[in-house]
Amino acid sequence: MAVASPSPKATTTLSITARYIAPHTCIARIDAETFTMAQDDPSMTAKLRRLRRTWTHAVIVGDPAVPYCCIGGLIYRAQQAGFERIEYVPALPPQ
């Protein structure tokens, strides 16, 4: 009897990229779409909820200089969308 393998997205992690543009703009790149936090909250939240259907784990990647308010805002929105596991990984500086 053949066993169905899990879908590729069920075994991978959703990557969310965080950027900061001074003085007060947080940018999130999610699944090839860019959102400005606060301004695009409804569409970003809807996108995360749709993506939650196939991913359970999200990783937020951002430059260590991205303020915590940006990272914390993304963590909160991912939690609200139902992600079971959310991590933050600082991006390594280019060499």
C-alpha atoms as a PDB file:
ATOM      1  CA  MET A   1       0.000   0.000   0.000  1.00  0.00           C
ATOM      2  CA  ALA A   2       1.459   3.355  -1.045  1.00  0.00           C
ATOM      3  CA  VAL A   3       1.630   6.100   1.524  1.00  0.00           C
ATOM      4  CA  ALA A   4       0.949   9.610   0.315  1.00  0.00           C
ATOM      5  CA  SER A   5       3.798  11.968   1.022  1.00  0.00           C
ATOM      6  CA  PRO A   6       3.005  15.299   2.645  1.00  0.00           C
ATOM      7  CA  SER A   7       2.678  18.290   0.404  1.00  0.00           C
ATOM      8  CA  PRO A   8       5.968  20.201  -0.009  1.00  0.00           C
ATOM      9  CA  LYS A   9       4.614  23.282   1.773  1.00  0.00           C
ATOM     10  CA  ALA A  10       3.476  21.212   4.758  1.00  0.00           C
ATOM     11  CA  THR A  11       7.104  20.273   5.465  1.00  0.00           C
ATOM     12  CA  THR A  12       8.718  23.648   4.845  1.00  0.00           C
ATOM     13  CA  THR A  13       8.764  26.974   6.558  1.00  0.00           C
ATOM     14  CA  LEU A  14       7.173  30.192   5.415  1.00  0.00           C
ATOM     15  CA  SER A  15       9.853  32.851   5.220  1.00  0.00           C
ATOM     16  CA  ILE A  16       8.888  36.426   6.073  1.00  0.00           C
ATOM     17  CA  THR A  17      11.477  39.118   5.387  1.00  0.00           C
ATOM     18  CA  ALA A  18      11.443  42.247   7.544  1.00  0.00           C
ATOM     19  CA  ARG A  19      12.986  45.581   6.526  1.00  0.00           C
ATOM     20  CA  TYR A  20      12.995  48.999   8.126  1.00  0.00           C
ATOM     21  CA  ILE A  21      13.030  52.354   6.371  1.00  0.00           C
ATOM     22  CA  ALA A  22      13.778  55.208   8.762  1.00  0.00           C
ATOM     23  CA  PRO A  23      12.177  56.974  10.427  1.00  0.00           C
ATOM     24  CA  HIS A  24       8.980  54.894  10.914  1.00  0.00           C
ATOM     25  CA  THR A  25       8.314  52.389   8.126  1.00  0.00           C
ATOM     26  CA  CYS A  26       8.280  48.613   8.597  1.00  0.00           C
ATOM     27  CA  ILE A  27       8.168  46.518   5.431  1.00  0.00           C
ATOM     28  CA  ALA A  28       7.294  42.807   5.268  1.00  0.00           C
ATOM     29  CA  ARG A  29       7.869  40.553   2.265  1.00  0.00           C
ATOM     30  CA  ILE A  30       5.599  37.514   2.411  1.00  0.00           C
ATOM     31  CA  ASP A  31       5.350  34.945  -0.382  1.00  0.00           C
ATOM     32  CA  ALA A  32       6.656  37.359  -3.067  1.00  0.00           C
ATOM     33  CA  GLU A  33       4.353  40.186  -1.965  1.00  0.00           C
ATOM     34  CA  THR A  34       5.468  43.346  -0.142  1.00  0.00           C
ATOM     35  CA  PHE A  35       3.434  44.996   2.609  1.00  0.00           C
ATOM     36  CA  THR A  36       3.903  48.235   4.530  1.00  0.00           C
ATOM     37  CA  MET A  37       2.946  47.493   8.111  1.00  0.00           C
ATOM     38  CA  ALA A  38       0.050  49.507   9.518  1.00  0.00           C
ATOM     39  CA  GLN A  39      -0.950  50.764   6.061  1.00  0.00           C
ATOM     40  CA  ASP A  40      -1.406  47.251   4.612  1.00  0.00           C
ATOM     41  CA  ASP A  41      -2.485  45.418   7.788  1.00  0.00           C
ATOM     42  CA  PRO A  42      -5.821  44.074   6.481  1.00  0.00           C
ATOM     43  CA  SER A  43      -4.321  42.636   3.278  1.00  0.00           C
ATOM     44  CA  MET A  44      -1.209  41.335   5.088  1.00  0.00           C
ATOM     45  CA  THR A  45      -3.336  39.599   7.727  1.00  0.00           C
ATOM     46  CA  ALA A  46      -5.557  38.055   5.043  1.00  0.00           C
ATOM     47  CA  LYS A  47      -2.470  36.802   3.179  1.00  0.00           C
ATOM     48  CA  LEU A  48      -1.028  35.243   6.351  1.00  0.00           C
ATOM     49  CA  ARG A  49      -4.346  33.519   7.090  1.00  0.00           C
ATOM     50  CA  ARG A  50      -4.432  32.057   3.570  1.00  0.00           C
ATOM     51  CA  LEU A  51      -0.830  30.878   3.851  1.00  0.00           C
ATOM     52  CA  ARG A  52      -1.514  29.334   7.254  1.00  0.00           C
ATOM     53  CA  ARG A  53      -3.621  26.711   5.487  1.00  0.00           C
ATOM     54  CA  THR A  54      -0.436  25.147   4.099  1.00  0.00           C
ATOM     55  CA  TRP A  55       2.294  26.223   6.547  1.00  0.00           C
ATOM     56  CA  THR A  56       2.411  25.838  10.321  1.00  0.00           C
ATOM     57  CA  HIS A  57       5.853  27.351  10.888  1.00  0.00           C
ATOM     58  CA  ALA A  58       7.012  30.861  10.006  1.00  0.00           C
ATOM     59  CA  VAL A  59      10.486  32.355  10.200  1.00  0.00           C
ATOM     60  CA  ILE A  60      10.947  36.116  10.229  1.00  0.00           C
ATOM     61  CA  VAL A  61      14.311  37.116   8.783  1.00  0.00           C
ATOM     62  CA  GLY A  62      15.549  40.647   9.208  1.00  0.00           C
ATOM     63  CA  ASP A  63      18.634  42.751   9.567  1.00  0.00           C
ATOM     64  CA  PRO A  64      19.637  43.030  13.239  1.00  0.00           C
ATOM     65  CA  ALA A  65      18.995  46.793  12.946  1.00  0.00           C
ATOM     66  CA  VAL A  66      15.259  46.261  12.287  1.00  0.00           C
ATOM     67  CA  PRO A  67      13.514  47.655  15.392  1.00  0.00           C
ATOM     68  CA  TYR A  68      11.711  45.231  17.655  1.00  0.00           C
ATOM     69  CA  CYS A  69       8.421  47.046  17.025  1.00  0.00           C
ATOM     70  CA  CYS A  70       8.615  45.755  13.422  1.00  0.00           C
ATOM     71  CA  ILE A  71       9.591  42.215  14.421  1.00  0.00           C
ATOM     72  CA  GLY A  72       7.077  42.132  17.266  1.00  0.00           C
ATOM     73  CA  GLY A  73       4.341  43.380  14.956  1.00  0.00           C
ATOM     74  CA  LEU A  74       5.049  40.565  12.505  1.00  0.00           C
ATOM     75  CA  ILE A  75       5.120  37.983  15.287  1.00  0.00           C
ATOM     76  CA  TYR A  76       1.759  39.256  16.558  1.00  0.00           C
ATOM     77  CA  ARG A  77       0.172  39.153  13.087  1.00  0.00           C
ATOM     78  CA  ALA A  78       1.492  35.635  12.430  1.00  0.00           C
ATOM     79  CA  GLN A  79       0.088  34.488  15.787  1.00  0.00           C
ATOM     80  CA  GLN A  80      -3.277  36.028  14.955  1.00  0.00           C
ATOM     81  CA  ALA A  81      -3.224  34.159  11.619  1.00  0.00           C
ATOM     82  CA  GLY A  82      -2.797  30.876  13.508  1.00  0.00           C
ATOM     83  CA  PHE A  83       0.846  29.957  12.953  1.00  0.00           C
ATOM     84  CA  GLU A  84       1.881  27.382  15.550  1.00  0.00           C
ATOM     85  CA  ARG A  85       5.576  28.214  15.545  1.00  0.00           C
ATOM     86  CA  ILE A  86       7.195  31.565  14.763  1.00  0.00           C
ATOM     87  CA  GLU A  87      10.902  32.304  14.899  1.00  0.00           C
ATOM     88  CA  TYR A  88      13.045  35.359  14.349  1.00  0.00           C
ATOM     89  CA  VAL A  89      16.427  34.900  12.689  1.00  0.00           C
ATOM     90  CA  PRO A  90      18.708  37.907  12.228  1.00  0.00           C
ATOM     91  CA  ALA A  91      20.061  38.085   8.704  1.00  0.00           C
ATOM     92  CA  LEU A  92      23.810  37.822   8.394  1.00  0.00           C
ATOM     93  CA  PRO A  93      25.525  40.929   7.072  1.00  0.00           C
ATOM     94  CA  PRO A  94      26.948  40.600   3.546  1.00  0.00           C
ATOM     95  CA  GLN A  95      30.596  39.587   3.475  1.00  0.00           C
END
